[in-house]
Amino acid sequence: MKKLLTALTVLALPAAAFAADNQPGVYVQGDAGLASIHADGETFNNFLPRVSVGFDAGDMRIAADYYRVRDKIDDATATLQGAGVAVIKDFNTNSIVKPYVGARLGLNRLTVKDEDGKYSKTKASIGALGGVGFEVAPNVTLDLGYRFNYLGKLDDTRVFANEYTAGVRVKF
């Protein structure tokens, strides 16, 4: 009987440590979705993968993210990649559902390759985000989000993106 209790205790310790749900901690989040990029009156819809690493303090989060979007337009290939930092406020609803809002500052690089050569430009961006997280397990949250990013003015063309994503966030 003692061996069984010892074995159950040893097996339960990692689960108890992992279940520290409301404790501050580092998290990793992966998102996938649609980026609707608007430039010069045209809209380009592309697959959007994004990875974020952040710190969750309970009702506030700070995260660094990276994304990359690629599109083939006529004989040119355009790549938009960016990195940023977001500050996010989570709202406690005393349920598994947690809405959030936030703001993001970033740097974005647009590279276009065509038969005439390669063009590249880097700009600062500002954005707003919102969404809802669903805590499906201790320290595991499914995320549905929206981001608006003003990517700056590139050669007299204002560029902005609407991003619709779904992802998973795991806190350690």
C-alpha atoms as a PDB file:
ATOM      1  CA  MET A   1       0.000   0.000   0.000  1.00  0.00           C
ATOM      2  CA  LYS A   2       2.859   2.389   0.831  1.00  0.00           C
ATOM      3  CA  LYS A   3       4.439   1.725  -2.578  1.00  0.00           C
ATOM      4  CA  LEU A   4       1.153   2.539  -4.318  1.00  0.00           C
ATOM      5  CA  LEU A   5       0.730   5.811  -2.365  1.00  0.00           C
ATOM      6  CA  THR A   6       4.351   6.762  -3.061  1.00  0.00           C
ATOM      7  CA  ALA A   7       3.944   6.036  -6.779  1.00  0.00           C
ATOM      8  CA  LEU A   8       0.705   8.048  -6.980  1.00  0.00           C
ATOM      9  CA  THR A   9       2.317  10.965  -5.127  1.00  0.00           C
ATOM     10  CA  VAL A  10       5.336  10.960  -7.440  1.00  0.00           C
ATOM     11  CA  LEU A  11       3.080  10.836 -10.498  1.00  0.00           C
ATOM     12  CA  ALA A  12       0.838  13.625  -9.161  1.00  0.00           C
ATOM     13  CA  LEU A  13       3.652  16.102  -8.440  1.00  0.00           C
ATOM     14  CA  PRO A  14       4.368  17.047 -12.077  1.00  0.00           C
ATOM     15  CA  ALA A  15       0.642  17.417 -12.768  1.00  0.00           C
ATOM     16  CA  ALA A  16       0.234  19.668  -9.712  1.00  0.00           C
ATOM     17  CA  ALA A  17       3.184  21.802 -10.796  1.00  0.00           C
ATOM     18  CA  PHE A  18       1.797  22.077 -14.345  1.00  0.00           C
ATOM     19  CA  ALA A  19      -1.635  23.048 -13.017  1.00  0.00           C
ATOM     20  CA  ALA A  20      -0.436  26.323 -11.456  1.00  0.00           C
ATOM     21  CA  ASP A  21      -2.963  28.056 -13.699  1.00  0.00           C
ATOM     22  CA  ASN A  22      -3.112  31.538 -12.169  1.00  0.00           C
ATOM     23  CA  GLN A  23       0.608  31.825 -11.519  1.00  0.00           C
ATOM     24  CA  PRO A  24       2.758  34.205 -13.585  1.00  0.00           C
ATOM     25  CA  GLY A  25       4.843  32.488 -16.205  1.00  0.00           C
ATOM     26  CA  VAL A  26       6.434  32.397 -19.617  1.00  0.00           C
ATOM     27  CA  TYR A  27       4.329  31.226 -22.541  1.00  0.00           C
ATOM     28  CA  VAL A  28       4.695  30.255 -26.177  1.00  0.00           C
ATOM     29  CA  GLN A  29       1.900  30.789 -28.685  1.00  0.00           C
ATOM     30  CA  GLY A  30       1.491  29.628 -32.247  1.00  0.00           C
ATOM     31  CA  ASP A  31      -1.139  31.190 -34.515  1.00  0.00           C
ATOM     32  CA  ALA A  32      -2.331  30.584 -38.054  1.00  0.00           C
ATOM     33  CA  GLY A  33      -4.867  32.518 -40.032  1.00  0.00           C
ATOM     34  CA  LEU A  34      -5.588  35.014 -42.766  1.00  0.00           C
ATOM     35  CA  ALA A  35      -3.772  38.293 -43.385  1.00  0.00           C
ATOM     36  CA  SER A  36      -5.752  40.698 -45.533  1.00  0.00           C
ATOM     37  CA  ILE A  37      -3.157  43.257 -46.662  1.00  0.00           C
ATOM     38  CA  HIS A  38      -4.389  46.494 -48.195  1.00  0.00           C
ATOM     39  CA  ALA A  39      -2.127  48.636 -50.388  1.00  0.00           C
ATOM     40  CA  ASP A  40      -2.904  51.217 -53.050  1.00  0.00           C
ATOM     41  CA  GLY A  41      -6.578  50.238 -53.287  1.00  0.00           C
ATOM     42  CA  GLU A  42      -5.807  46.542 -53.700  1.00  0.00           C
ATOM     43  CA  THR A  43      -6.297  43.724 -51.212  1.00  0.00           C
ATOM     44  CA  PHE A  44      -4.081  40.640 -50.950  1.00  0.00           C
ATOM     45  CA  ASN A  45      -5.282  37.712 -48.822  1.00  0.00           C
ATOM     46  CA  ASN A  46      -2.576  35.367 -47.584  1.00  0.00           C
ATOM     47  CA  PHE A  47      -1.952  32.576 -45.107  1.00  0.00           C
ATOM     48  CA  LEU A  48      -0.455  34.027 -41.912  1.00  0.00           C
ATOM     49  CA  PRO A  49       1.710  31.969 -39.539  1.00  0.00           C
ATOM     50  CA  ARG A  50       2.882  33.712 -36.349  1.00  0.00           C
ATOM     51  CA  VAL A  51       4.851  32.644 -33.283  1.00  0.00           C
ATOM     52  CA  SER A  52       4.939  34.571 -30.002  1.00  0.00           C
ATOM     53  CA  VAL A  53       6.891  34.256 -26.775  1.00  0.00           C
ATOM     54  CA  GLY A  54       5.707  36.196 -23.775  1.00  0.00           C
ATOM     55  CA  PHE A  55       5.238  36.630 -20.059  1.00  0.00           C
ATOM     56  CA  ASP A  56       1.797  36.214 -18.489  1.00  0.00           C
ATOM     57  CA  ALA A  57       1.384  38.127 -15.210  1.00  0.00           C
ATOM     58  CA  GLY A  58      -2.232  37.058 -14.680  1.00  0.00           C
ATOM     59  CA  ASP A  59      -4.311  39.880 -16.139  1.00  0.00           C
ATOM     60  CA  MET A  60      -1.507  41.480 -18.217  1.00  0.00           C
ATOM     61  CA  ARG A  61       0.752  39.917 -20.828  1.00  0.00           C
ATOM     62  CA  ILE A  62       3.709  41.150 -22.825  1.00  0.00           C
ATOM     63  CA  ALA A  63       4.754  39.231 -25.929  1.00  0.00           C
ATOM     64  CA  ALA A  64       7.303  39.374 -28.718  1.00  0.00           C
ATOM     65  CA  ASP A  65       6.098  37.981 -32.044  1.00  0.00           C
ATOM     66  CA  TYR A  66       7.328  37.147 -35.538  1.00  0.00           C
ATOM     67  CA  TYR A  67       5.370  36.532 -38.744  1.00  0.00           C
ATOM     68  CA  ARG A  68       6.058  36.098 -42.448  1.00  0.00           C
ATOM     69  CA  VAL A  69       3.668  36.399 -45.391  1.00  0.00           C
ATOM     70  CA  ARG A  70       4.598  35.641 -49.008  1.00  0.00           C
ATOM     71  CA  ASP A  71       2.629  36.304 -52.198  1.00  0.00           C
ATOM     72  CA  LYS A  72       3.225  35.915 -55.923  1.00  0.00           C
ATOM     73  CA  ILE A  73       1.872  38.893 -57.883  1.00  0.00           C
ATOM     74  CA  ASP A  74       2.227  38.615 -61.659  1.00  0.00           C
ATOM     75  CA  ASP A  75       5.978  38.034 -62.220  1.00  0.00           C
ATOM     76  CA  ALA A  76       7.008  39.318 -58.779  1.00  0.00           C
ATOM     77  CA  THR A  77       7.298  37.695 -55.371  1.00  0.00           C
ATOM     78  CA  ALA A  78       6.480  39.884 -52.366  1.00  0.00           C
ATOM     79  CA  THR A  79       7.493  38.906 -48.836  1.00  0.00           C
ATOM     80  CA  LEU A  80       6.295  40.798 -45.780  1.00  0.00           C
ATOM     81  CA  GLN A  81       7.855  39.849 -42.481  1.00  0.00           C
ATOM     82  CA  GLY A  82       7.669  41.538 -39.147  1.00  0.00           C
ATOM     83  CA  ALA A  83       8.586  41.394 -35.496  1.00  0.00           C
ATOM     84  CA  GLY A  84       6.904  43.278 -32.715  1.00  0.00           C
ATOM     85  CA  VAL A  85       6.076  43.658 -29.060  1.00  0.00           C
ATOM     86  CA  ALA A  86       2.506  43.649 -27.773  1.00  0.00           C
ATOM     87  CA  VAL A  87       1.050  44.576 -24.389  1.00  0.00           C
ATOM     88  CA  ILE A  88      -2.182  42.691 -23.737  1.00  0.00           C
ATOM     89  CA  LYS A  89      -4.875  43.106 -21.060  1.00  0.00           C
ATOM     90  CA  ASP A  90      -6.850  39.942 -20.212  1.00  0.00           C
ATOM     91  CA  PHE A  91     -10.310  40.302 -18.632  1.00  0.00           C
ATOM     92  CA  ASN A  92     -11.186  37.738 -15.961  1.00  0.00           C
ATOM     93  CA  THR A  93     -14.749  36.464 -16.417  1.00  0.00           C
ATOM     94  CA  ASN A  94     -14.466  33.708 -13.778  1.00  0.00           C
ATOM     95  CA  SER A  95     -14.986  31.162 -16.539  1.00  0.00           C
ATOM     96  CA  ILE A  96     -12.902  29.418 -19.195  1.00  0.00           C
ATOM     97  CA  VAL A  97     -13.545  32.379 -21.534  1.00  0.00           C
ATOM     98  CA  LYS A  98     -11.141  35.354 -21.287  1.00  0.00           C
ATOM     99  CA  PRO A  99     -11.516  38.300 -23.670  1.00  0.00           C
ATOM    100  CA  TYR A 100      -8.486  40.524 -24.252  1.00  0.00           C
ATOM    101  CA  VAL A 101      -7.370  43.766 -25.902  1.00  0.00           C
ATOM    102  CA  GLY A 102      -3.901  45.076 -26.618  1.00  0.00           C
ATOM    103  CA  ALA A 103      -1.538  47.333 -28.526  1.00  0.00           C
ATOM    104  CA  ARG A 104       1.480  46.424 -30.659  1.00  0.00           C
ATOM    105  CA  LEU A 105       4.602  48.183 -31.932  1.00  0.00           C
ATOM    106  CA  GLY A 106       6.653  46.499 -34.619  1.00  0.00           C
ATOM    107  CA  LEU A 107       9.137  46.606 -37.461  1.00  0.00           C
ATOM    108  CA  ASN A 108       8.132  45.244 -40.859  1.00  0.00           C
ATOM    109  CA  ARG A 109      10.215  44.521 -43.935  1.00  0.00           C
ATOM    110  CA  LEU A 110       8.730  44.323 -47.411  1.00  0.00           C
ATOM    111  CA  THR A 111      10.881  42.638 -50.064  1.00  0.00           C
ATOM    112  CA  VAL A 112       9.822  42.424 -53.708  1.00  0.00           C
ATOM    113  CA  LYS A 113      11.761  40.365 -56.256  1.00  0.00           C
ATOM    114  CA  ASP A 114      10.973  40.627 -59.952  1.00  0.00           C
ATOM    115  CA  GLU A 115      12.751  40.651 -63.319  1.00  0.00           C
ATOM    116  CA  ASP A 116      14.082  44.160 -62.580  1.00  0.00           C
ATOM    117  CA  GLY A 117      15.815  43.080 -59.368  1.00  0.00           C
ATOM    118  CA  LYS A 118      15.105  43.262 -55.674  1.00  0.00           C
ATOM    119  CA  TYR A 119      13.424  46.041 -53.680  1.00  0.00           C
ATOM    120  CA  SER A 120      13.383  46.088 -49.895  1.00  0.00           C
ATOM    121  CA  LYS A 121      12.092  48.574 -47.340  1.00  0.00           C
ATOM    122  CA  THR A 122      11.728  48.465 -43.538  1.00  0.00           C
ATOM    123  CA  LYS A 123       9.102  50.482 -41.658  1.00  0.00           C
ATOM    124  CA  ALA A 124       7.825  50.810 -38.114  1.00  0.00           C
ATOM    125  CA  SER A 125       4.227  49.819 -37.461  1.00  0.00           C
ATOM    126  CA  ILE A 126       1.557  50.310 -34.850  1.00  0.00           C
ATOM    127  CA  GLY A 127      -1.425  48.108 -34.200  1.00  0.00           C
ATOM    128  CA  ALA A 128      -4.347  47.138 -32.017  1.00  0.00           C
ATOM    129  CA  LEU A 129      -5.560  43.653 -31.193  1.00  0.00           C
ATOM    130  CA  GLY A 130      -8.410  41.889 -29.512  1.00  0.00           C
ATOM    131  CA  GLY A 131      -9.827  38.460 -29.118  1.00  0.00           C
ATOM    132  CA  VAL A 132     -10.875  35.747 -26.759  1.00  0.00           C
ATOM    133  CA  GLY A 133      -9.012  32.913 -25.099  1.00  0.00           C
ATOM    134  CA  PHE A 134     -10.590  29.609 -24.066  1.00  0.00           C
ATOM    135  CA  GLU A 135      -8.751  27.873 -21.199  1.00  0.00           C
ATOM    136  CA  VAL A 136      -9.178  24.249 -22.259  1.00  0.00           C
ATOM    137  CA  ALA A 137      -6.695  22.779 -19.756  1.00  0.00           C
ATOM    138  CA  PRO A 138      -4.433  24.109 -17.025  1.00  0.00           C
ATOM    139  CA  ASN A 139      -1.925  26.408 -18.772  1.00  0.00           C
ATOM    140  CA  VAL A 140      -3.347  25.665 -22.254  1.00  0.00           C
ATOM    141  CA  THR A 141      -5.484  28.300 -23.985  1.00  0.00           C
ATOM    142  CA  LEU A 142      -7.094  28.231 -27.423  1.00  0.00           C
ATOM    143  CA  ASP A 143      -7.031  31.721 -28.899  1.00  0.00           C
ATOM    144  CA  LEU A 144      -9.217  33.439 -31.505  1.00  0.00           C
ATOM    145  CA  GLY A 145      -7.911  36.880 -32.374  1.00  0.00           C
ATOM    146  CA  TYR A 146      -8.049  39.914 -34.621  1.00  0.00           C
ATOM    147  CA  ARG A 147      -5.238  42.414 -35.237  1.00  0.00           C
ATOM    148  CA  PHE A 148      -5.156  45.650 -37.151  1.00  0.00           C
ATOM    149  CA  ASN A 149      -1.646  46.742 -38.108  1.00  0.00           C
ATOM    150  CA  TYR A 150      -0.793  49.994 -39.839  1.00  0.00           C
ATOM    151  CA  LEU A 151       2.399  48.948 -41.594  1.00  0.00           C
ATOM    152  CA  GLY A 152       3.454  52.413 -42.697  1.00  0.00           C
ATOM    153  CA  LYS A 153       3.785  54.295 -45.932  1.00  0.00           C
ATOM    154  CA  LEU A 154       5.854  52.582 -48.608  1.00  0.00           C
ATOM    155  CA  ASP A 155       6.635  54.790 -51.603  1.00  0.00           C
ATOM    156  CA  ASP A 156       3.523  56.981 -51.169  1.00  0.00           C
ATOM    157  CA  THR A 157       1.332  53.910 -50.547  1.00  0.00           C
ATOM    158  CA  ARG A 158      -0.283  53.383 -47.165  1.00  0.00           C
ATOM    159  CA  VAL A 159      -0.187  49.722 -46.198  1.00  0.00           C
ATOM    160  CA  PHE A 160      -2.270  48.117 -43.470  1.00  0.00           C
ATOM    161  CA  ALA A 161      -3.326  44.600 -42.554  1.00  0.00           C
ATOM    162  CA  ASN A 162      -6.345  42.954 -40.990  1.00  0.00           C
ATOM    163  CA  GLU A 163      -5.349  39.643 -39.416  1.00  0.00           C
ATOM    164  CA  TYR A 164      -7.754  36.902 -38.326  1.00  0.00           C
ATOM    165  CA  THR A 165      -6.090  34.053 -36.445  1.00  0.00           C
ATOM    166  CA  ALA A 166      -6.613  30.957 -34.323  1.00  0.00           C
ATOM    167  CA  GLY A 167      -3.879  29.577 -32.110  1.00  0.00           C
ATOM    168  CA  VAL A 168      -2.724  27.743 -29.022  1.00  0.00           C
ATOM    169  CA  ARG A 169      -0.955  29.309 -26.032  1.00  0.00           C
ATOM    170  CA  VAL A 170       0.969  27.149 -23.544  1.00  0.00           C
ATOM    171  CA  LYS A 171       2.227  28.632 -20.263  1.00  0.00           C
ATOM    172  CA  PHE A 172       5.180  27.085 -18.444  1.00  0.00           C
END
